[in-house]
PDB file of all heavy atoms in Angstrom:
ATOM      1  N   SER A   1    -105.843-102.777 -25.178  1.00  0.00           N
ATOM      2  CA  SER A   1    -106.783-102.300 -24.156  1.00  0.00           C
ATOM      3  C   SER A   1    -108.008-103.207 -24.096  1.00  0.00           C
ATOM      4  O   SER A   1    -109.148-102.765 -24.304  1.00  0.00           O
ATOM      5  CB  SER A   1    -107.197-100.851 -24.443  1.00  0.00           C
ATOM      6  OG  SER A   1    -106.066-100.010 -24.505  1.00  0.00           O
ATOM      7  N   SER A   2    -107.777-104.473 -23.822  1.00  0.00           N
ATOM      8  CA  SER A   2    -108.851-105.455 -23.876  1.00  0.00           C
ATOM      9  C   SER A   2    -108.827-106.333 -22.632  1.00  0.00           C
ATOM     10  O   SER A   2    -107.845-106.389 -21.889  1.00  0.00           O
ATOM     11  CB  SER A   2    -108.727-106.326 -25.118  1.00  0.00           C
ATOM     12  OG  SER A   2    -107.518-107.069 -25.078  1.00  0.00           O
ATOM     13  N   THR A   3    -109.959-107.021 -22.434  1.00  0.00           N
ATOM     14  CA  THR A   3    -110.089-108.046 -21.406  1.00  0.00           C
ATOM     15  C   THR A   3    -110.513-109.332 -22.094  1.00  0.00           C
ATOM     16  O   THR A   3    -111.577-109.403 -22.711  1.00  0.00           O
ATOM     17  CB  THR A   3    -111.127-107.645 -20.347  1.00  0.00           C
ATOM     18  OG1 THR A   3    -110.706-106.425 -19.720  1.00  0.00           O
ATOM     19  CG2 THR A   3    -111.247-108.727 -19.279  1.00  0.00           C
ATOM     20  N   THR A   4    -109.656-110.343 -22.010  1.00  0.00           N
ATOM     21  CA  THR A   4    -109.860-111.604 -22.717  1.00  0.00           C
ATOM     22  C   THR A   4    -110.047-112.723 -21.704  1.00  0.00           C
ATOM     23  O   THR A   4    -109.300-112.809 -20.721  1.00  0.00           O
ATOM     24  CB  THR A   4    -108.672-111.918 -23.632  1.00  0.00           C
ATOM     25  OG1 THR A   4    -108.448-110.815 -24.527  1.00  0.00           O
ATOM     26  CG2 THR A   4    -108.912-113.183 -24.431  1.00  0.00           C
ATOM     27  N   GLU A   5    -111.040-113.583 -21.967  1.00  0.00           N
ATOM     28  CA  GLU A   5    -111.307-114.714 -21.095  1.00  0.00           C
ATOM     29  C   GLU A   5    -111.270-116.005 -21.903  1.00  0.00           C
ATOM     30  O   GLU A   5    -111.898-116.109 -22.963  1.00  0.00           O
ATOM     31  CB  GLU A   5    -112.660-114.580 -20.407  1.00  0.00           C
ATOM     32  CG  GLU A   5    -112.963-115.748 -19.466  1.00  0.00           C
ATOM     33  CD  GLU A   5    -114.311-115.626 -18.787  1.00  0.00           C
ATOM     34  OE1 GLU A   5    -115.098-114.751 -19.197  1.00  0.00           O
ATOM     35  OE2 GLU A   5    -114.582-116.410 -17.854  1.00  0.00           O
ATOM     36  N   ILE A   6    -110.523-116.983 -21.394  1.00  0.00           N
ATOM     37  CA  ILE A   6    -110.419-118.308 -22.009  1.00  0.00           C
ATOM     38  C   ILE A   6    -111.009-119.316 -21.037  1.00  0.00           C
ATOM     39  O   ILE A   6    -110.660-119.321 -19.847  1.00  0.00           O
ATOM     40  CB  ILE A   6    -108.958-118.669 -22.322  1.00  0.00           C
ATOM     41  CG1 ILE A   6    -108.290-117.565 -23.151  1.00  0.00           C
ATOM     42  CG2 ILE A   6    -108.875-119.995 -23.061  1.00  0.00           C
ATOM     43  CD1 ILE A   6    -106.811-117.792 -23.369  1.00  0.00           C
ATOM     44  N   THR A   7    -111.903-120.178 -21.527  1.00  0.00           N
ATOM     45  CA  THR A   7    -112.539-121.179 -20.674  1.00  0.00           C
ATOM     46  C   THR A   7    -112.411-122.559 -21.305  1.00  0.00           C
ATOM     47  O   THR A   7    -112.446-122.706 -22.539  1.00  0.00           O
ATOM     48  CB  THR A   7    -114.019-120.851 -20.433  1.00  0.00           C
ATOM     49  OG1 THR A   7    -114.708-120.777 -21.693  1.00  0.00           O
ATOM     50  CG2 THR A   7    -114.180-119.537 -19.687  1.00  0.00           C
ATOM     51  N   PHE A   8    -112.244-123.564 -20.452  1.00  0.00           N
ATOM     52  CA  PHE A   8    -112.215-124.973 -20.845  1.00  0.00           C
ATOM     53  C   PHE A   8    -113.094-125.749 -19.879  1.00  0.00           C
ATOM     54  O   PHE A   8    -113.098-125.475 -18.676  1.00  0.00           O
ATOM     55  CB  PHE A   8    -110.795-125.555 -20.778  1.00  0.00           C
ATOM     56  CG  PHE A   8    -109.797-124.903 -21.682  1.00  0.00           C
ATOM     57  CD1 PHE A   8    -109.017-123.853 -21.227  1.00  0.00           C
ATOM     58  CD2 PHE A   8    -109.614-125.348 -22.979  1.00  0.00           C
ATOM     59  CE1 PHE A   8    -108.075-123.259 -22.049  1.00  0.00           C
ATOM     60  CE2 PHE A   8    -108.685-124.753 -23.808  1.00  0.00           C
ATOM     61  CZ  PHE A   8    -107.913-123.709 -23.343  1.00  0.00           C
ATOM     62  N   ASP A   9    -113.819-126.714 -20.394  1.00  0.00           N
ATOM     63  CA  ASP A   9    -114.541-127.646 -19.529  1.00  0.00           C
ATOM     64  C   ASP A   9    -113.574-128.741 -19.079  1.00  0.00           C
ATOM     65  O   ASP A   9    -112.777-129.256 -19.882  1.00  0.00           O
ATOM     66  CB  ASP A   9    -115.730-128.257 -20.263  1.00  0.00           C
ATOM     67  CG  ASP A   9    -116.852-127.255 -20.493  1.00  0.00           C
ATOM     68  OD1 ASP A   9    -116.822-126.191 -19.844  1.00  0.00           O
ATOM     69  OD2 ASP A   9    -117.729-127.530 -21.331  1.00  0.00           O
ATOM     70  N   VAL A  10    -113.672-129.117 -17.819  1.00  0.00           N
ATOM     71  CA  VAL A  10    -112.796-130.142 -17.258  1.00  0.00           C
ATOM     72  C   VAL A  10    -113.640-131.152 -16.493  1.00  0.00           C
ATOM     73  O   VAL A  10    -114.746-130.841 -16.027  1.00  0.00           O
ATOM     74  CB  VAL A  10    -111.729-129.528 -16.320  1.00  0.00           C
ATOM     75  CG1 VAL A  10    -110.815-128.579 -17.073  1.00  0.00           C
ATOM     76  CG2 VAL A  10    -112.375-128.828 -15.136  1.00  0.00           C
ATOM     77  N   THR A  11    -113.116-132.354 -16.387  1.00  0.00           N
ATOM     78  CA  THR A  11    -113.713-133.385 -15.556  1.00  0.00           C
ATOM     79  C   THR A  11    -112.682-133.843 -14.532  1.00  0.00           C
ATOM     80  O   THR A  11    -111.478-133.832 -14.795  1.00  0.00           O
ATOM     81  CB  THR A  11    -114.185-134.587 -16.393  1.00  0.00           C
ATOM     82  OG1 THR A  11    -113.053-135.119 -17.124  1.00  0.00           O
ATOM     83  CG2 THR A  11    -115.284-134.180 -17.353  1.00  0.00           C
ATOM     84  N   LYS A  12    -113.177-134.261 -13.378  1.00  0.00           N
ATOM     85  CA  LYS A  12    -112.317-134.686 -12.285  1.00  0.00           C
ATOM     86  C   LYS A  12    -112.430-136.200 -12.115  1.00  0.00           C
ATOM     87  O   LYS A  12    -113.530-136.739 -12.034  1.00  0.00           O
ATOM     88  CB  LYS A  12    -112.713-133.978 -10.992  1.00  0.00           C
ATOM     89  CG  LYS A  12    -112.781-132.452 -11.127  1.00  0.00           C
ATOM     90  CD  LYS A  12    -113.361-131.802  -9.893  1.00  0.00           C
ATOM     91  CE  LYS A  12    -113.593-130.324 -10.091  1.00  0.00           C
ATOM     92  NZ  LYS A  12    -114.192-129.686  -8.895  1.00  0.00           N
ATOM     93  N   ALA A  13    -111.284-136.851 -12.066  1.00  0.00           N
ATOM     94  CA  ALA A  13    -111.260-138.313 -11.970  1.00  0.00           C
ATOM     95  C   ALA A  13    -111.489-138.759 -10.533  1.00  0.00           C
ATOM     96  O   ALA A  13    -111.335-137.999  -9.577  1.00  0.00           O
ATOM     97  CB  ALA A  13    -109.926-138.852 -12.489  1.00  0.00           C
ATOM     98  N   PHE A  14    -111.864-140.018 -10.413  1.00  0.00           N
ATOM     99  CA  PHE A  14    -112.027-140.651  -9.104  1.00  0.00           C
ATOM    100  C   PHE A  14    -110.771-141.474  -8.830  1.00  0.00           C
ATOM    101  O   PHE A  14    -110.495-142.452  -9.526  1.00  0.00           O
ATOM    102  CB  PHE A  14    -113.275-141.537  -9.079  1.00  0.00           C
ATOM    103  CG  PHE A  14    -113.613-142.040  -7.704  1.00  0.00           C
ATOM    104  CD1 PHE A  14    -114.334-141.264  -6.821  1.00  0.00           C
ATOM    105  CD2 PHE A  14    -113.193-143.299  -7.300  1.00  0.00           C
ATOM    106  CE1 PHE A  14    -114.641-141.719  -5.563  1.00  0.00           C
ATOM    107  CE2 PHE A  14    -113.489-143.769  -6.044  1.00  0.00           C
ATOM    108  CZ  PHE A  14    -114.223-142.972  -5.159  1.00  0.00           C
ATOM    109  N   LEU A  15    -110.002-141.055  -7.848  1.00  0.00           N
ATOM    110  CA  LEU A  15    -108.735-141.697  -7.550  1.00  0.00           C
ATOM    111  C   LEU A  15    -108.935-142.982  -6.770  1.00  0.00           C
ATOM    112  O   LEU A  15    -109.920-143.148  -6.046  1.00  0.00           O
ATOM    113  CB  LEU A  15    -107.833-140.755  -6.743  1.00  0.00           C
ATOM    114  CG  LEU A  15    -107.486-139.407  -7.375  1.00  0.00           C
ATOM    115  CD1 LEU A  15    -106.584-138.615  -6.442  1.00  0.00           C
ATOM    116  CD2 LEU A  15    -106.809-139.594  -8.719  1.00  0.00           C
ATOM    117  N   ARG A  16    -107.950-143.864  -6.922  1.00  0.00           N
ATOM    118  CA  ARG A  16    -107.911-145.032  -6.058  1.00  0.00           C
ATOM    119  C   ARG A  16    -107.559-144.599  -4.637  1.00  0.00           C
ATOM    120  O   ARG A  16    -106.901-143.576  -4.438  1.00  0.00           O
ATOM    121  CB  ARG A  16    -106.888-146.041  -6.572  1.00  0.00           C
ATOM    122  CG  ARG A  16    -107.109-146.458  -8.021  1.00  0.00           C
ATOM    123  CD  ARG A  16    -106.006-147.392  -8.474  1.00  0.00           C
ATOM    124  NE  ARG A  16    -106.146-147.742  -9.879  1.00  0.00           N
ATOM    125  CZ  ARG A  16    -105.151-147.718 -10.760  1.00  0.00           C
ATOM    126  NH1 ARG A  16    -103.951-147.338 -10.357  1.00  0.00           N
ATOM    127  NH2 ARG A  16    -105.353-148.075 -12.010  1.00  0.00           N
ATOM    128  N   TYR A  17    -107.945-145.406  -3.690  1.00  0.00           N
ATOM    129  CA  TYR A  17    -107.701-144.981  -2.313  1.00  0.00           C
ATOM    130  C   TYR A  17    -106.212-144.936  -1.988  1.00  0.00           C
ATOM    131  O   TYR A  17    -105.779-144.207  -1.098  1.00  0.00           O
ATOM    132  CB  TYR A  17    -108.446-145.901  -1.335  1.00  0.00           C
ATOM    133  CG  TYR A  17    -107.764-147.219  -1.049  1.00  0.00           C
ATOM    134  CD1 TYR A  17    -106.962-147.390   0.081  1.00  0.00           C
ATOM    135  CD2 TYR A  17    -107.915-148.305  -1.912  1.00  0.00           C
ATOM    136  CE1 TYR A  17    -106.329-148.591   0.333  1.00  0.00           C
ATOM    137  CE2 TYR A  17    -107.286-149.503  -1.658  1.00  0.00           C
ATOM    138  CZ  TYR A  17    -106.505-149.650  -0.533  1.00  0.00           C
ATOM    139  OH  TYR A  17    -105.883-150.839  -0.286  1.00  0.00           O
ATOM    140  N   THR A  18    -105.397-145.695  -2.738  1.00  0.00           N
ATOM    141  CA  THR A  18    -103.953-145.672  -2.506  1.00  0.00           C
ATOM    142  C   THR A  18    -103.273-144.477  -3.173  1.00  0.00           C
ATOM    143  O   THR A  18    -102.084-144.237  -2.933  1.00  0.00           O
ATOM    144  CB  THR A  18    -103.318-146.960  -3.031  1.00  0.00           C
ATOM    145  OG1 THR A  18    -103.645-147.122  -4.425  1.00  0.00           O
ATOM    146  CG2 THR A  18    -103.832-148.170  -2.246  1.00  0.00           C
ATOM    147  N   GLU A  19    -103.985-143.732  -4.017  1.00  0.00           N
ATOM    148  CA  GLU A  19    -103.397-142.591  -4.726  1.00  0.00           C
ATOM    149  C   GLU A  19    -103.645-141.274  -4.025  1.00  0.00           C
ATOM    150  O   GLU A  19    -103.135-140.241  -4.465  1.00  0.00           O
ATOM    151  CB  GLU A  19    -103.953-142.520  -6.153  1.00  0.00           C
ATOM    152  CG  GLU A  19    -103.562-143.705  -7.017  1.00  0.00           C
ATOM    153  CD  GLU A  19    -104.243-143.683  -8.366  1.00  0.00           C
ATOM    154  OE1 GLU A  19    -105.303-143.032  -8.486  1.00  0.00           O
ATOM    155  OE2 GLU A  19    -103.729-144.323  -9.303  1.00  0.00           O
ATOM    156  N   HIS A  20    -104.418-141.268  -2.954  1.00  0.00           N
ATOM    157  CA  HIS A  20    -104.698-140.025  -2.247  1.00  0.00           C
ATOM    158  C   HIS A  20    -103.523-139.614  -1.382  1.00  0.00           C
ATOM    159  O   HIS A  20    -102.745-140.452  -0.903  1.00  0.00           O
ATOM    160  CB  HIS A  20    -105.951-140.174  -1.375  1.00  0.00           C
ATOM    161  CG  HIS A  20    -107.223-140.128  -2.152  1.00  0.00           C
ATOM    162  ND1 HIS A  20    -107.838-138.954  -2.494  1.00  0.00           N
ATOM    163  CD2 HIS A  20    -107.997-141.123  -2.678  1.00  0.00           C
ATOM    164  CE1 HIS A  20    -108.948-139.210  -3.174  1.00  0.00           C
ATOM    165  NE2 HIS A  20    -109.059-140.522  -3.295  1.00  0.00           N
ATOM    166  N   LEU A  21    -103.399-138.308  -1.184  1.00  0.00           N
ATOM    167  CA  LEU A  21    -102.368-137.769  -0.311  1.00  0.00           C
ATOM    168  C   LEU A  21    -102.735-138.017   1.144  1.00  0.00           C
ATOM    169  O   LEU A  21    -103.899-138.300   1.464  1.00  0.00           O
ATOM    170  CB  LEU A  21    -102.208-136.271  -0.561  1.00  0.00           C
ATOM    171  CG  LEU A  21    -101.744-135.864  -1.970  1.00  0.00           C
ATOM    172  CD1 LEU A  21    -101.786-134.354  -2.112  1.00  0.00           C
ATOM    173  CD2 LEU A  21    -100.353-136.379  -2.247  1.00  0.00           C
ATOM    174  N   PRO A  22    -101.761-137.892   2.059  1.00  0.00           N
ATOM    175  CA  PRO A  22    -102.103-138.064   3.482  1.00  0.00           C
ATOM    176  C   PRO A  22    -103.155-137.072   3.966  1.00  0.00           C
ATOM    177  O   PRO A  22    -103.986-137.411   4.800  1.00  0.00           O
ATOM    178  CB  PRO A  22    -100.757-137.849   4.185  1.00  0.00           C
ATOM    179  CG  PRO A  22     -99.736-138.208   3.158  1.00  0.00           C
ATOM    180  CD  PRO A  22    -100.315-137.798   1.844  1.00  0.00           C
ATOM    181  N   ASP A  23    -103.136-135.834   3.449  1.00  0.00           N
ATOM    182  CA  ASP A  23    -104.166-134.846   3.789  1.00  0.00           C
ATOM    183  C   ASP A  23    -105.188-134.767   2.655  1.00  0.00           C
ATOM    184  O   ASP A  23    -105.363-133.725   2.022  1.00  0.00           O
ATOM    185  CB  ASP A  23    -103.538-133.488   4.056  1.00  0.00           C
ATOM    186  CG  ASP A  23    -102.653-133.024   2.909  1.00  0.00           C
ATOM    187  OD1 ASP A  23    -102.340-133.850   2.037  1.00  0.00           O
ATOM    188  OD2 ASP A  23    -102.289-131.841   2.878  1.00  0.00           O
ATOM    189  N   ALA A  24    -105.863-135.886   2.406  1.00  0.00           N
ATOM    190  CA  ALA A  24    -106.758-135.985   1.244  1.00  0.00           C
ATOM    191  C   ALA A  24    -107.913-135.005   1.314  1.00  0.00           C
ATOM    192  O   ALA A  24    -108.398-134.529   0.280  1.00  0.00           O
ATOM    193  CB  ALA A  24    -107.298-137.413   1.130  1.00  0.00           C
ATOM    194  N   GLN A  25    -108.371-134.667   2.519  1.00  0.00           N
ATOM    195  CA  GLN A  25    -109.518-133.770   2.638  1.00  0.00           C
ATOM    196  C   GLN A  25    -109.179-132.338   2.214  1.00  0.00           C
ATOM    197  O   GLN A  25    -110.073-131.551   1.925  1.00  0.00           O
ATOM    198  CB  GLN A  25    -110.027-133.777   4.086  1.00  0.00           C
ATOM    199  CG  GLN A  25    -110.424-135.151   4.606  1.00  0.00           C
ATOM    200  CD  GLN A  25    -111.588-135.743   3.844  1.00  0.00           C
ATOM    201  OE1 GLN A  25    -112.386-135.026   3.252  1.00  0.00           O
ATOM    202  NE2 GLN A  25    -111.691-137.073   3.844  1.00  0.00           N
ATOM    203  N   ARG A  26    -107.887-131.995   2.181  1.00  0.00           N
ATOM    204  CA  ARG A  26    -107.494-130.638   1.782  1.00  0.00           C
ATOM    205  C   ARG A  26    -107.690-130.412   0.297  1.00  0.00           C
ATOM    206  O   ARG A  26    -108.059-129.312  -0.141  1.00  0.00           O
ATOM    207  CB  ARG A  26    -106.030-130.394   2.160  1.00  0.00           C
ATOM    208  CG  ARG A  26    -105.491-129.044   1.712  1.00  0.00           C
ATOM    209  CD  ARG A  26    -104.014-128.910   2.006  1.00  0.00           C
ATOM    210  NE  ARG A  26    -103.466-127.680   1.456  1.00  0.00           N
ATOM    211  CZ  ARG A  26    -102.998-127.550   0.229  1.00  0.00           C
ATOM    212  NH1 ARG A  26    -103.019-128.605  -0.585  1.00  0.00           N
ATOM    213  NH2 ARG A  26    -102.515-126.395  -0.208  1.00  0.00           N
ATOM    214  N   GLY A  27    -107.456-131.411  -0.526  1.00  0.00           N
ATOM    215  CA  GLY A  27    -107.547-131.261  -1.969  1.00  0.00           C
ATOM    216  C   GLY A  27    -106.177-131.355  -2.622  1.00  0.00           C
ATOM    217  O   GLY A  27    -105.163-131.614  -1.965  1.00  0.00           O
ATOM    218  N   TRP A  28    -106.143-131.114  -3.929  1.00  0.00           N
ATOM    219  CA  TRP A  28    -104.928-131.204  -4.734  1.00  0.00           C
ATOM    220  C   TRP A  28    -104.592-129.836  -5.301  1.00  0.00           C
ATOM    221  O   TRP A  28    -105.473-129.098  -5.755  1.00  0.00           O
ATOM    222  CB  TRP A  28    -105.091-132.202  -5.874  1.00  0.00           C
ATOM    223  CG  TRP A  28    -105.183-133.632  -5.421  1.00  0.00           C
ATOM    224  CD1 TRP A  28    -106.247-134.236  -4.815  1.00  0.00           C
ATOM    225  CD2 TRP A  28    -104.160-134.626  -5.531  1.00  0.00           C
ATOM    226  NE1 TRP A  28    -105.955-135.541  -4.543  1.00  0.00           N
ATOM    227  CE2 TRP A  28    -104.678-135.827  -4.981  1.00  0.00           C
ATOM    228  CE3 TRP A  28    -102.879-134.636  -6.046  1.00  0.00           C
ATOM    229  CZ2 TRP A  28    -103.943-136.998  -4.935  1.00  0.00           C
ATOM    230  CZ3 TRP A  28    -102.145-135.812  -6.007  1.00  0.00           C
ATOM    231  CH2 TRP A  28    -102.685-136.975  -5.457  1.00  0.00           C
ATOM    232  N   ASP A  29    -103.295-129.494  -5.308  1.00  0.00           N
ATOM    233  CA  ASP A  29    -102.822-128.238  -5.891  1.00  0.00           C
ATOM    234  C   ASP A  29    -102.520-128.443  -7.369  1.00  0.00           C
ATOM    235  O   ASP A  29    -101.820-129.394  -7.745  1.00  0.00           O
ATOM    236  CB  ASP A  29    -101.565-127.750  -5.177  1.00  0.00           C
ATOM    237  CG  ASP A  29    -101.846-127.329  -3.742  1.00  0.00           C
ATOM    238  OD1 ASP A  29    -102.637-126.395  -3.563  1.00  0.00           O
ATOM    239  OD2 ASP A  29    -101.282-127.939  -2.818  1.00  0.00           O
ATOM    240  N   LEU A  30    -103.031-127.543  -8.197  1.00  0.00           N
ATOM    241  CA  LEU A  30    -102.764-127.573  -9.631  1.00  0.00           C
ATOM    242  C   LEU A  30    -101.617-126.630  -9.956  1.00  0.00           C
ATOM    243  O   LEU A  30    -101.515-125.540  -9.387  1.00  0.00           O
ATOM    244  CB  LEU A  30    -104.002-127.164 -10.420  1.00  0.00           C
ATOM    245  CG  LEU A  30    -105.250-128.041 -10.258  1.00  0.00           C
ATOM    246  CD1 LEU A  30    -106.354-127.541 -11.167  1.00  0.00           C
ATOM    247  CD2 LEU A  30    -104.930-129.503 -10.545  1.00  0.00           C
ATOM    248  N   PRO A  31    -100.715-127.019 -10.854  1.00  0.00           N
ATOM    249  CA  PRO A  31     -99.579-126.147 -11.203  1.00  0.00           C
ATOM    250  C   PRO A  31    -100.057-124.842 -11.808  1.00  0.00           C
ATOM    251  O   PRO A  31    -101.158-124.749 -12.372  1.00  0.00           O
ATOM    252  CB  PRO A  31     -98.800-126.982 -12.222  1.00  0.00           C
ATOM    253  CG  PRO A  31     -99.267-128.384 -12.029  1.00  0.00           C
ATOM    254  CD  PRO A  31    -100.685-128.296 -11.564  1.00  0.00           C
TER     255      PRO A  31
END
């Protein structure tokens, strides 16, 4: 009967312009 929260700090990389998706402004989906 508990509520548990797990947190991690993350950093976001700067992609090369050739690595972006065609709809780059939409963002990236994480699994």
